mmCIF file of all heavy atoms, coordinates in Angstrom:
data_MODEL
# 
_entry.id   MODEL 
# 
loop_
_atom_site.group_PDB 
_atom_site.id 
_atom_site.type_symbol 
_atom_site.label_atom_id 
_atom_site.label_alt_id 
_atom_site.label_comp_id 
_atom_site.label_asym_id 
_atom_site.label_entity_id 
_atom_site.label_seq_id 
_atom_site.pdbx_PDB_ins_code 
_atom_site.Cartn_x 
_atom_site.Cartn_y 
_atom_site.Cartn_z 
_atom_site.occupancy 
_atom_site.B_iso_or_equiv 
_atom_site.pdbx_formal_charge 
_atom_site.auth_seq_id 
_atom_site.auth_comp_id 
_atom_site.auth_asym_id 
_atom_site.auth_atom_id 
_atom_site.pdbx_PDB_model_num 
ATOM 1   N N   . GLY A 1 1  ? 6.100   -13.826 192.045 1.00 0.00 ? 1  GLY A N   1 
ATOM 2   C CA  . GLY A 1 1  ? 5.459   -14.391 193.232 1.00 0.00 ? 1  GLY A CA  1 
ATOM 3   C C   . GLY A 1 1  ? 4.396   -13.485 193.817 1.00 0.00 ? 1  GLY A C   1 
ATOM 4   O O   . GLY A 1 1  ? 3.321   -13.945 194.214 1.00 0.00 ? 1  GLY A O   1 
ATOM 5   N N   . LEU A 1 2  ? 4.674   -12.190 193.871 1.00 0.00 ? 2  LEU A N   1 
ATOM 6   C CA  . LEU A 1 2  ? 3.693   -11.244 194.410 1.00 0.00 ? 2  LEU A CA  1 
ATOM 7   C C   . LEU A 1 2  ? 2.438   -11.165 193.554 1.00 0.00 ? 2  LEU A C   1 
ATOM 8   O O   . LEU A 1 2  ? 1.321   -11.145 194.073 1.00 0.00 ? 2  LEU A O   1 
ATOM 9   C CB  . LEU A 1 2  ? 4.314   -9.849  194.570 1.00 0.00 ? 2  LEU A CB  1 
ATOM 10  C CG  . LEU A 1 2  ? 5.241   -9.673  195.759 1.00 0.00 ? 2  LEU A CG  1 
ATOM 11  C CD1 . LEU A 1 2  ? 5.947   -8.317  195.712 1.00 0.00 ? 2  LEU A CD1 1 
ATOM 12  C CD2 . LEU A 1 2  ? 4.467   -9.823  197.071 1.00 0.00 ? 2  LEU A CD2 1 
ATOM 13  N N   . TRP A 1 3  ? 2.616   -11.098 192.248 1.00 0.00 ? 3  TRP A N   1 
ATOM 14  C CA  . TRP A 1 3  ? 1.452   -11.058 191.359 1.00 0.00 ? 3  TRP A CA  1 
ATOM 15  C C   . TRP A 1 3  ? 0.587   -12.307 191.546 1.00 0.00 ? 3  TRP A C   1 
ATOM 16  O O   . TRP A 1 3  ? -0.615  -12.214 191.784 1.00 0.00 ? 3  TRP A O   1 
ATOM 17  C CB  . TRP A 1 3  ? 1.883   -10.946 189.887 1.00 0.00 ? 3  TRP A CB  1 
ATOM 18  C CG  . TRP A 1 3  ? 2.078   -9.541  189.435 1.00 0.00 ? 3  TRP A CG  1 
ATOM 19  C CD1 . TRP A 1 3  ? 3.277   -8.895  189.293 1.00 0.00 ? 3  TRP A CD1 1 
ATOM 20  C CD2 . TRP A 1 3  ? 1.075   -8.596  189.063 1.00 0.00 ? 3  TRP A CD2 1 
ATOM 21  N NE1 . TRP A 1 3  ? 3.070   -7.618  188.858 1.00 0.00 ? 3  TRP A NE1 1 
ATOM 22  C CE2 . TRP A 1 3  ? 1.729   -7.406  188.702 1.00 0.00 ? 3  TRP A CE2 1 
ATOM 23  C CE3 . TRP A 1 3  ? -0.310  -8.644  188.991 1.00 0.00 ? 3  TRP A CE3 1 
ATOM 24  C CZ2 . TRP A 1 3  ? 1.045   -6.269  188.268 1.00 0.00 ? 3  TRP A CZ2 1 
ATOM 25  C CZ3 . TRP A 1 3  ? -1.006  -7.518  188.567 1.00 0.00 ? 3  TRP A CZ3 1 
ATOM 26  C CH2 . TRP A 1 3  ? -0.338  -6.349  188.220 1.00 0.00 ? 3  TRP A CH2 1 
ATOM 27  N N   . PHE A 1 4  ? 1.207   -13.473 191.421 1.00 0.00 ? 4  PHE A N   1 
ATOM 28  C CA  . PHE A 1 4  ? 0.437   -14.715 191.490 1.00 0.00 ? 4  PHE A CA  1 
ATOM 29  C C   . PHE A 1 4  ? -0.102  -14.978 192.889 1.00 0.00 ? 4  PHE A C   1 
ATOM 30  O O   . PHE A 1 4  ? -1.246  -15.393 193.057 1.00 0.00 ? 4  PHE A O   1 
ATOM 31  C CB  . PHE A 1 4  ? 1.266   -15.896 190.989 1.00 0.00 ? 4  PHE A CB  1 
ATOM 32  C CG  . PHE A 1 4  ? 1.564   -15.836 189.510 1.00 0.00 ? 4  PHE A CG  1 
ATOM 33  C CD1 . PHE A 1 4  ? 2.699   -16.434 189.000 1.00 0.00 ? 4  PHE A CD1 1 
ATOM 34  C CD2 . PHE A 1 4  ? 0.728   -15.190 188.629 1.00 0.00 ? 4  PHE A CD2 1 
ATOM 35  C CE1 . PHE A 1 4  ? 2.982   -16.409 187.635 1.00 0.00 ? 4  PHE A CE1 1 
ATOM 36  C CE2 . PHE A 1 4  ? 0.994   -15.136 187.262 1.00 0.00 ? 4  PHE A CE2 1 
ATOM 37  C CZ  . PHE A 1 4  ? 2.132   -15.746 186.768 1.00 0.00 ? 4  PHE A CZ  1 
ATOM 38  N N   . GLY A 1 5  ? 0.712   -14.743 193.910 1.00 0.00 ? 5  GLY A N   1 
ATOM 39  C CA  . GLY A 1 5  ? 0.273   -14.969 195.284 1.00 0.00 ? 5  GLY A CA  1 
ATOM 40  C C   . GLY A 1 5  ? -0.885  -14.066 195.676 1.00 0.00 ? 5  GLY A C   1 
ATOM 41  O O   . GLY A 1 5  ? -1.840  -14.501 196.320 1.00 0.00 ? 5  GLY A O   1 
ATOM 42  N N   . THR A 1 6  ? -0.799  -12.804 195.287 1.00 0.00 ? 6  THR A N   1 
ATOM 43  C CA  . THR A 1 6  ? -1.866  -11.851 195.613 1.00 0.00 ? 6  THR A CA  1 
ATOM 44  C C   . THR A 1 6  ? -3.187  -12.254 194.950 1.00 0.00 ? 6  THR A C   1 
ATOM 45  O O   . THR A 1 6  ? -4.237  -12.274 195.603 1.00 0.00 ? 6  THR A O   1 
ATOM 46  C CB  . THR A 1 6  ? -1.470  -10.428 195.179 1.00 0.00 ? 6  THR A CB  1 
ATOM 47  O OG1 . THR A 1 6  ? -0.274  -10.055 195.877 1.00 0.00 ? 6  THR A OG1 1 
ATOM 48  C CG2 . THR A 1 6  ? -2.574  -9.427  195.467 1.00 0.00 ? 6  THR A CG2 1 
ATOM 49  N N   . PHE A 1 7  ? -3.137  -12.578 193.673 1.00 0.00 ? 7  PHE A N   1 
ATOM 50  C CA  . PHE A 1 7  ? -4.378  -12.936 192.985 1.00 0.00 ? 7  PHE A CA  1 
ATOM 51  C C   . PHE A 1 7  ? -4.928  -14.276 193.461 1.00 0.00 ? 7  PHE A C   1 
ATOM 52  O O   . PHE A 1 7  ? -6.141  -14.443 193.561 1.00 0.00 ? 7  PHE A O   1 
ATOM 53  C CB  . PHE A 1 7  ? -4.186  -12.907 191.467 1.00 0.00 ? 7  PHE A CB  1 
ATOM 54  C CG  . PHE A 1 7  ? -4.408  -11.539 190.896 1.00 0.00 ? 7  PHE A CG  1 
ATOM 55  C CD1 . PHE A 1 7  ? -3.417  -10.573 190.982 1.00 0.00 ? 7  PHE A CD1 1 
ATOM 56  C CD2 . PHE A 1 7  ? -5.610  -11.197 190.308 1.00 0.00 ? 7  PHE A CD2 1 
ATOM 57  C CE1 . PHE A 1 7  ? -3.617  -9.300  190.493 1.00 0.00 ? 7  PHE A CE1 1 
ATOM 58  C CE2 . PHE A 1 7  ? -5.830  -9.925  189.808 1.00 0.00 ? 7  PHE A CE2 1 
ATOM 59  C CZ  . PHE A 1 7  ? -4.825  -8.960  189.898 1.00 0.00 ? 7  PHE A CZ  1 
ATOM 60  N N   . GLN A 1 8  ? -4.053  -15.235 193.756 1.00 0.00 ? 8  GLN A N   1 
ATOM 61  C CA  . GLN A 1 8  ? -4.523  -16.524 194.267 1.00 0.00 ? 8  GLN A CA  1 
ATOM 62  C C   . GLN A 1 8  ? -5.173  -16.347 195.635 1.00 0.00 ? 8  GLN A C   1 
ATOM 63  O O   . GLN A 1 8  ? -6.050  -17.118 196.003 1.00 0.00 ? 8  GLN A O   1 
ATOM 64  C CB  . GLN A 1 8  ? -3.381  -17.541 194.369 1.00 0.00 ? 8  GLN A CB  1 
ATOM 65  C CG  . GLN A 1 8  ? -2.928  -18.087 193.048 1.00 0.00 ? 8  GLN A CG  1 
ATOM 66  C CD  . GLN A 1 8  ? -3.860  -19.125 192.453 1.00 0.00 ? 8  GLN A CD  1 
ATOM 67  O OE1 . GLN A 1 8  ? -4.992  -19.311 192.868 1.00 0.00 ? 8  GLN A OE1 1 
ATOM 68  N NE2 . GLN A 1 8  ? -3.374  -19.815 191.445 1.00 0.00 ? 8  GLN A NE2 1 
ATOM 69  N N   . ALA A 1 9  ? -4.749  -15.357 196.407 1.00 0.00 ? 9  ALA A N   1 
ATOM 70  C CA  . ALA A 1 9  ? -5.364  -15.090 197.710 1.00 0.00 ? 9  ALA A CA  1 
ATOM 71  C C   . ALA A 1 9  ? -6.644  -14.270 197.564 1.00 0.00 ? 9  ALA A C   1 
ATOM 72  O O   . ALA A 1 9  ? -7.609  -14.479 198.300 1.00 0.00 ? 9  ALA A O   1 
ATOM 73  C CB  . ALA A 1 9  ? -4.376  -14.358 198.621 1.00 0.00 ? 9  ALA A CB  1 
ATOM 74  N N   . LEU A 1 10 ? -6.671  -13.353 196.609 1.00 0.00 ? 10 LEU A N   1 
ATOM 75  C CA  . LEU A 1 10 ? -7.825  -12.475 196.419 1.00 0.00 ? 10 LEU A CA  1 
ATOM 76  C C   . LEU A 1 10 ? -9.028  -13.204 195.817 1.00 0.00 ? 10 LEU A C   1 
ATOM 77  O O   . LEU A 1 10 ? -10.171 -12.983 196.238 1.00 0.00 ? 10 LEU A O   1 
ATOM 78  C CB  . LEU A 1 10 ? -7.414  -11.296 195.524 1.00 0.00 ? 10 LEU A CB  1 
ATOM 79  C CG  . LEU A 1 10 ? -8.487  -10.270 195.191 1.00 0.00 ? 10 LEU A CG  1 
ATOM 80  C CD1 . LEU A 1 10 ? -8.936  -9.558  196.461 1.00 0.00 ? 10 LEU A CD1 1 
ATOM 81  C CD2 . LEU A 1 10 ? -7.948  -9.259  194.182 1.00 0.00 ? 10 LEU A CD2 1 
ATOM 82  N N   . MET A 1 11 ? -8.792  -14.061 194.859 1.00 0.00 ? 11 MET A N   1 
ATOM 83  C CA  . MET A 1 11 ? -9.896  -14.709 194.143 1.00 0.00 ? 11 MET A CA  1 
ATOM 84  C C   . MET A 1 11 ? -10.782 -15.587 195.030 1.00 0.00 ? 11 MET A C   1 
ATOM 85  O O   . MET A 1 11 ? -12.001 -15.563 194.878 1.00 0.00 ? 11 MET A O   1 
ATOM 86  C CB  . MET A 1 11 ? -9.369  -15.502 192.949 1.00 0.00 ? 11 MET A CB  1 
ATOM 87  C CG  . MET A 1 11 ? -8.828  -14.608 191.855 1.00 0.00 ? 11 MET A CG  1 
ATOM 88  S SD  . MET A 1 11 ? -10.050 -13.483 191.188 1.00 0.00 ? 11 MET A SD  1 
ATOM 89  C CE  . MET A 1 11 ? -9.785  -13.726 189.469 1.00 0.00 ? 11 MET A CE  1 
ATOM 90  N N   . PRO A 1 12 ? -10.237 -16.366 195.977 1.00 0.00 ? 12 PRO A N   1 
ATOM 91  C CA  . PRO A 1 12 ? -11.139 -17.129 196.844 1.00 0.00 ? 12 PRO A CA  1 
ATOM 92  C C   . PRO A 1 12 ? -12.046 -16.235 197.698 1.00 0.00 ? 12 PRO A C   1 
ATOM 93  O O   . PRO A 1 12 ? -13.176 -16.601 197.996 1.00 0.00 ? 12 PRO A O   1 
ATOM 94  C CB  . PRO A 1 12 ? -10.199 -17.945 197.739 1.00 0.00 ? 12 PRO A CB  1 
ATOM 95  C CG  . PRO A 1 12 ? -8.928  -18.016 196.998 1.00 0.00 ? 12 PRO A CG  1 
ATOM 96  C CD  . PRO A 1 12 ? -8.846  -16.738 196.205 1.00 0.00 ? 12 PRO A CD  1 
ATOM 97  N N   . VAL A 1 13 ? -11.544 -15.060 198.052 1.00 0.00 ? 13 VAL A N   1 
ATOM 98  C CA  . VAL A 1 13 ? -12.369 -14.124 198.819 1.00 0.00 ? 13 VAL A CA  1 
ATOM 99  C C   . VAL A 1 13 ? -13.551 -13.663 197.974 1.00 0.00 ? 13 VAL A C   1 
ATOM 100 O O   . VAL A 1 13 ? -14.702 -13.651 198.431 1.00 0.00 ? 13 VAL A O   1 
ATOM 101 C CB  . VAL A 1 13 ? -11.532 -12.911 199.309 1.00 0.00 ? 13 VAL A CB  1 
ATOM 102 C CG1 . VAL A 1 13 ? -12.412 -11.864 199.962 1.00 0.00 ? 13 VAL A CG1 1 
ATOM 103 C CG2 . VAL A 1 13 ? -10.432 -13.364 200.252 1.00 0.00 ? 13 VAL A CG2 1 
ATOM 104 N N   . ILE A 1 14 ? -13.273 -13.307 196.730 1.00 0.00 ? 14 ILE A N   1 
ATOM 105 C CA  . ILE A 1 14 ? -14.355 -12.896 195.823 1.00 0.00 ? 14 ILE A CA  1 
ATOM 106 C C   . ILE A 1 14 ? -15.324 -14.054 195.626 1.00 0.00 ? 14 ILE A C   1 
ATOM 107 O O   . ILE A 1 14 ? -16.546 -13.877 195.697 1.00 0.00 ? 14 ILE A O   1 
ATOM 108 C CB  . ILE A 1 14 ? -13.772 -12.417 194.464 1.00 0.00 ? 14 ILE A CB  1 
ATOM 109 C CG1 . ILE A 1 14 ? -12.945 -11.142 194.674 1.00 0.00 ? 14 ILE A CG1 1 
ATOM 110 C CG2 . ILE A 1 14 ? -14.879 -12.196 193.444 1.00 0.00 ? 14 ILE A CG2 1 
ATOM 111 C CD1 . ILE A 1 14 ? -12.111 -10.740 193.477 1.00 0.00 ? 14 ILE A CD1 1 
ATOM 112 N N   . GLY A 1 15 ? -14.796 -15.247 195.379 1.00 0.00 ? 15 GLY A N   1 
ATOM 113 C CA  . GLY A 1 15 ? -15.643 -16.431 195.200 1.00 0.00 ? 15 GLY A CA  1 
ATOM 114 C C   . GLY A 1 15 ? -16.473 -16.737 196.430 1.00 0.00 ? 15 GLY A C   1 
ATOM 115 O O   . GLY A 1 15 ? -17.648 -17.101 196.330 1.00 0.00 ? 15 GLY A O   1 
ATOM 116 N N   . TYR A 1 16 ? -15.872 -16.563 197.597 1.00 0.00 ? 16 TYR A N   1 
ATOM 117 C CA  . TYR A 1 16 ? -16.583 -16.802 198.857 1.00 0.00 ? 16 TYR A CA  1 
ATOM 118 C C   . TYR A 1 16 ? -17.806 -15.894 198.965 1.00 0.00 ? 16 TYR A C   1 
ATOM 119 O O   . TYR A 1 16 ? -18.913 -16.353 199.280 1.00 0.00 ? 16 TYR A O   1 
ATOM 120 C CB  . TYR A 1 16 ? -15.637 -16.575 200.031 1.00 0.00 ? 16 TYR A CB  1 
ATOM 121 C CG  . TYR A 1 16 ? -16.307 -16.656 201.382 1.00 0.00 ? 16 TYR A CG  1 
ATOM 122 C CD1 . TYR A 1 16 ? -16.568 -17.891 201.954 1.00 0.00 ? 16 TYR A CD1 1 
ATOM 123 C CD2 . TYR A 1 16 ? -16.683 -15.512 202.063 1.00 0.00 ? 16 TYR A CD2 1 
ATOM 124 C CE1 . TYR A 1 16 ? -17.184 -17.981 203.191 1.00 0.00 ? 16 TYR A CE1 1 
ATOM 125 C CE2 . TYR A 1 16 ? -17.296 -15.590 203.296 1.00 0.00 ? 16 TYR A CE2 1 
ATOM 126 C CZ  . TYR A 1 16 ? -17.554 -16.832 203.858 1.00 0.00 ? 16 TYR A CZ  1 
ATOM 127 O OH  . TYR A 1 16 ? -18.165 -16.920 205.068 1.00 0.00 ? 16 TYR A OH  1 
ATOM 128 N N   . PHE A 1 17 ? -17.623 -14.608 198.710 1.00 0.00 ? 17 PHE A N   1 
ATOM 129 C CA  . PHE A 1 17 ? -18.743 -13.676 198.822 1.00 0.00 ? 17 PHE A CA  1 
ATOM 130 C C   . PHE A 1 17 ? -19.810 -13.941 197.757 1.00 0.00 ? 17 PHE A C   1 
ATOM 131 O O   . PHE A 1 17 ? -21.004 -13.776 198.021 1.00 0.00 ? 17 PHE A O   1 
ATOM 132 C CB  . PHE A 1 17 ? -18.268 -12.229 198.802 1.00 0.00 ? 17 PHE A CB  1 
ATOM 133 C CG  . PHE A 1 17 ? -17.623 -11.836 200.099 1.00 0.00 ? 17 PHE A CG  1 
ATOM 134 C CD1 . PHE A 1 17 ? -16.274 -11.541 200.156 1.00 0.00 ? 17 PHE A CD1 1 
ATOM 135 C CD2 . PHE A 1 17 ? -18.361 -11.795 201.275 1.00 0.00 ? 17 PHE A CD2 1 
ATOM 136 C CE1 . PHE A 1 17 ? -15.671 -11.201 201.362 1.00 0.00 ? 17 PHE A CE1 1 
ATOM 137 C CE2 . PHE A 1 17 ? -17.766 -11.455 202.489 1.00 0.00 ? 17 PHE A CE2 1 
ATOM 138 C CZ  . PHE A 1 17 ? -16.419 -11.151 202.523 1.00 0.00 ? 17 PHE A CZ  1 
ATOM 139 N N   . LEU A 1 18 ? -19.400 -14.390 196.587 1.00 0.00 ? 18 LEU A N   1 
ATOM 140 C CA  . LEU A 1 18 ? -20.385 -14.803 195.577 1.00 0.00 ? 18 LEU A CA  1 
ATOM 141 C C   . LEU A 1 18 ? -21.155 -16.030 196.068 1.00 0.00 ? 18 LEU A C   1 
ATOM 142 O O   . LEU A 1 18 ? -22.377 -16.097 195.942 1.00 0.00 ? 18 LEU A O   1 
ATOM 143 C CB  . LEU A 1 18 ? -19.699 -15.124 194.244 1.00 0.00 ? 18 LEU A CB  1 
ATOM 144 C CG  . LEU A 1 18 ? -19.111 -13.954 193.469 1.00 0.00 ? 18 LEU A CG  1 
ATOM 145 C CD1 . LEU A 1 18 ? -18.300 -14.466 192.284 1.00 0.00 ? 18 LEU A CD1 1 
ATOM 146 C CD2 . LEU A 1 18 ? -20.210 -13.015 193.007 1.00 0.00 ? 18 LEU A CD2 1 
ATOM 147 N N   . GLY A 1 19 ? -20.436 -16.990 196.630 1.00 0.00 ? 19 GLY A N   1 
ATOM 148 C CA  . GLY A 1 19 ? -21.063 -18.215 197.124 1.00 0.00 ? 19 GLY A CA  1 
ATOM 149 C C   . GLY A 1 19 ? -21.990 -17.980 198.295 1.00 0.00 ? 19 GLY A C   1 
ATOM 150 O O   . GLY A 1 19 ? -23.068 -18.577 198.382 1.00 0.00 ? 19 GLY A O   1 
ATOM 151 N N   . VAL A 1 20 ? -21.592 -17.100 199.207 1.00 0.00 ? 20 VAL A N   1 
ATOM 152 C CA  . VAL A 1 20 ? -22.415 -16.803 200.384 1.00 0.00 ? 20 VAL A CA  1 
ATOM 153 C C   . VAL A 1 20 ? -23.763 -16.227 199.967 1.00 0.00 ? 20 VAL A C   1 
ATOM 154 O O   . VAL A 1 20 ? -24.785 -16.486 200.603 1.00 0.00 ? 20 VAL A O   1 
ATOM 155 C CB  . VAL A 1 20 ? -21.667 -15.834 201.340 1.00 0.00 ? 20 VAL A CB  1 
ATOM 156 C CG1 . VAL A 1 20 ? -22.596 -15.207 202.356 1.00 0.00 ? 20 VAL A CG1 1 
ATOM 157 C CG2 . VAL A 1 20 ? -20.540 -16.568 202.042 1.00 0.00 ? 20 VAL A CG2 1 
ATOM 158 N N   . SER A 1 21 ? -23.764 -15.488 198.871 1.00 0.00 ? 21 SER A N   1 
ATOM 159 C CA  . SER A 1 21 ? -25.004 -14.850 198.436 1.00 0.00 ? 21 SER A CA  1 
ATOM 160 C C   . SER A 1 21 ? -26.081 -15.858 198.041 1.00 0.00 ? 21 SER A C   1 
ATOM 161 O O   . SER A 1 21 ? -27.262 -15.538 198.056 1.00 0.00 ? 21 SER A O   1 
ATOM 162 C CB  . SER A 1 21 ? -24.733 -13.871 197.290 1.00 0.00 ? 21 SER A CB  1 
ATOM 163 O OG  . SER A 1 21 ? -24.315 -14.560 196.141 1.00 0.00 ? 21 SER A OG  1 
ATOM 164 N N   . PHE A 1 22 ? -25.691 -17.080 197.684 1.00 0.00 ? 22 PHE A N   1 
ATOM 165 C CA  . PHE A 1 22 ? -26.702 -18.083 197.345 1.00 0.00 ? 22 PHE A CA  1 
ATOM 166 C C   . PHE A 1 22 ? -26.514 -19.423 198.062 1.00 0.00 ? 22 PHE A C   1 
ATOM 167 O O   . PHE A 1 22 ? -27.156 -20.414 197.744 1.00 0.00 ? 22 PHE A O   1 
ATOM 168 C CB  . PHE A 1 22 ? -26.789 -18.310 195.830 1.00 0.00 ? 22 PHE A CB  1 
ATOM 169 C CG  . PHE A 1 22 ? -25.502 -18.724 195.178 1.00 0.00 ? 22 PHE A CG  1 
ATOM 170 C CD1 . PHE A 1 22 ? -25.110 -20.044 195.138 1.00 0.00 ? 22 PHE A CD1 1 
ATOM 171 C CD2 . PHE A 1 22 ? -24.681 -17.779 194.582 1.00 0.00 ? 22 PHE A CD2 1 
ATOM 172 C CE1 . PHE A 1 22 ? -23.935 -20.427 194.538 1.00 0.00 ? 22 PHE A CE1 1 
ATOM 173 C CE2 . PHE A 1 22 ? -23.494 -18.147 193.968 1.00 0.00 ? 22 PHE A CE2 1 
ATOM 174 C CZ  . PHE A 1 22 ? -23.125 -19.477 193.946 1.00 0.00 ? 22 PHE A CZ  1 
ATOM 175 N N   . ALA A 1 23 ? -25.668 -19.459 199.087 1.00 0.00 ? 23 ALA A N   1 
ATOM 176 C CA  . ALA A 1 23 ? -25.377 -20.713 199.804 1.00 0.00 ? 23 ALA A CA  1 
ATOM 177 C C   . ALA A 1 23 ? -26.605 -21.303 200.479 1.00 0.00 ? 23 ALA A C   1 
ATOM 178 O O   . ALA A 1 23 ? -26.796 -22.528 200.463 1.00 0.00 ? 23 ALA A O   1 
ATOM 179 C CB  . ALA A 1 23 ? -24.272 -20.483 200.832 1.00 0.00 ? 23 ALA A CB  1 
ATOM 180 N N   . ASP A 1 24 ? -27.448 -20.477 201.080 1.00 0.00 ? 24 ASP A N   1 
ATOM 181 C CA  . ASP A 1 24 ? -28.626 -20.991 201.790 1.00 0.00 ? 24 ASP A CA  1 
ATOM 182 C C   . ASP A 1 24 ? -29.592 -21.714 200.855 1.00 0.00 ? 24 ASP A C   1 
ATOM 183 O O   . ASP A 1 24 ? -30.251 -22.674 201.257 1.00 0.00 ? 24 ASP A O   1 
ATOM 184 C CB  . ASP A 1 24 ? -29.368 -19.853 202.495 1.00 0.00 ? 24 ASP A CB  1 
ATOM 185 C CG  . ASP A 1 24 ? -28.580 -19.318 203.675 1.00 0.00 ? 24 ASP A CG  1 
ATOM 186 O OD1 . ASP A 1 24 ? -27.689 -20.046 204.170 1.00 0.00 ? 24 ASP A OD1 1 
ATOM 187 O OD2 . ASP A 1 24 ? -28.845 -18.186 204.092 1.00 0.00 ? 24 ASP A OD2 1 
ATOM 188 N N   . ARG A 1 25 ? -29.675 -21.258 199.622 1.00 0.00 ? 25 ARG A N   1 
ATOM 189 C CA  . ARG A 1 25 ? -30.616 -21.856 198.669 1.00 0.00 ? 25 ARG A CA  1 
ATOM 190 C C   . ARG A 1 25 ? -30.173 -23.216 198.149 1.00 0.00 ? 25 ARG A C   1 
ATOM 191 O O   . ARG A 1 25 ? -30.990 -23.972 197.653 1.00 0.00 ? 25 ARG A O   1 
ATOM 192 C CB  . ARG A 1 25 ? -30.846 -20.906 197.497 1.00 0.00 ? 25 ARG A CB  1 
ATOM 193 C CG  . ARG A 1 25 ? -31.669 -19.693 197.910 1.00 0.00 ? 25 ARG A CG  1 
ATOM 194 C CD  . ARG A 1 25 ? -31.731 -18.721 196.799 1.00 0.00 ? 25 ARG A CD  1 
ATOM 195 N NE  . ARG A 1 25 ? -30.641 -17.778 197.094 1.00 0.00 ? 25 ARG A NE  1 
ATOM 196 C CZ  . ARG A 1 25 ? -30.420 -16.660 196.465 1.00 0.00 ? 25 ARG A CZ  1 
ATOM 197 N NH1 . ARG A 1 25 ? -31.152 -16.328 195.458 1.00 0.00 ? 25 ARG A NH1 1 
ATOM 198 N NH2 . ARG A 1 25 ? -29.435 -15.870 196.817 1.00 0.00 ? 25 ARG A NH2 1 
ATOM 199 N N   . ILE A 1 26 ? -28.876 -23.509 198.246 1.00 0.00 ? 26 ILE A N   1 
ATOM 200 C CA  . ILE A 1 26 ? -28.397 -24.779 197.682 1.00 0.00 ? 26 ILE A CA  1 
ATOM 201 C C   . ILE A 1 26 ? -27.637 -25.624 198.701 1.00 0.00 ? 26 ILE A C   1 
ATOM 202 O O   . ILE A 1 26 ? -26.851 -26.498 198.331 1.00 0.00 ? 26 ILE A O   1 
ATOM 203 C CB  . ILE A 1 26 ? -27.525 -24.532 196.427 1.00 0.00 ? 26 ILE A CB  1 
ATOM 204 C CG1 . ILE A 1 26 ? -26.372 -23.594 196.740 1.00 0.00 ? 26 ILE A CG1 1 
ATOM 205 C CG2 . ILE A 1 26 ? -28.355 -23.990 195.282 1.00 0.00 ? 26 ILE A CG2 1 
ATOM 206 C CD1 . ILE A 1 26 ? -25.416 -23.408 195.595 1.00 0.00 ? 26 ILE A CD1 1 
ATOM 207 N N   . LYS A 1 27 ? -27.875 -25.376 199.982 1.00 0.00 ? 27 LYS A N   1 
ATOM 208 C CA  . LYS A 1 27 ? -27.165 -26.079 201.056 1.00 0.00 ? 27 LYS A CA  1 
ATOM 209 C C   . LYS A 1 27 ? -27.272 -27.603 200.937 1.00 0.00 ? 27 LYS A C   1 
ATOM 210 O O   . LYS A 1 27 ? -26.332 -28.315 201.249 1.00 0.00 ? 27 LYS A O   1 
ATOM 211 C CB  . LYS A 1 27 ? -27.711 -25.609 202.415 1.00 0.00 ? 27 LYS A CB  1 
ATOM 212 C CG  . LYS A 1 27 ? -26.852 -25.999 203.573 1.00 0.00 ? 27 LYS A CG  1 
ATOM 213 C CD  . LYS A 1 27 ? -25.600 -25.170 203.610 1.00 0.00 ? 27 LYS A CD  1 
ATOM 214 C CE  . LYS A 1 27 ? -24.830 -25.380 204.880 1.00 0.00 ? 27 LYS A CE  1 
ATOM 215 N NZ  . LYS A 1 27 ? -23.466 -25.001 204.771 1.00 0.00 ? 27 LYS A NZ  1 
ATOM 216 N N   . SER A 1 28 ? -28.396 -28.110 200.456 1.00 0.00 ? 28 SER A N   1 
ATOM 217 C CA  . SER A 1 28 ? -28.591 -29.565 200.392 1.00 0.00 ? 28 SER A CA  1 
ATOM 218 C C   . SER A 1 28 ? -27.701 -30.247 199.349 1.00 0.00 ? 28 SER A C   1 
ATOM 219 O O   . SER A 1 28 ? -27.485 -31.448 199.419 1.00 0.00 ? 28 SER A O   1 
ATOM 220 C CB  . SER A 1 28 ? -30.059 -29.893 200.114 1.00 0.00 ? 28 SER A CB  1 
ATOM 221 O OG  . SER A 1 28 ? -30.437 -29.394 198.844 1.00 0.00 ? 28 SER A OG  1 
# 
């Protein structure tokens, strides 16, 4: 549970910061 829960929580954070870096360019 700790392994899977930790990674499932960590990955959206990484994805969020990747997405924020180009969100303004593709907002439409």
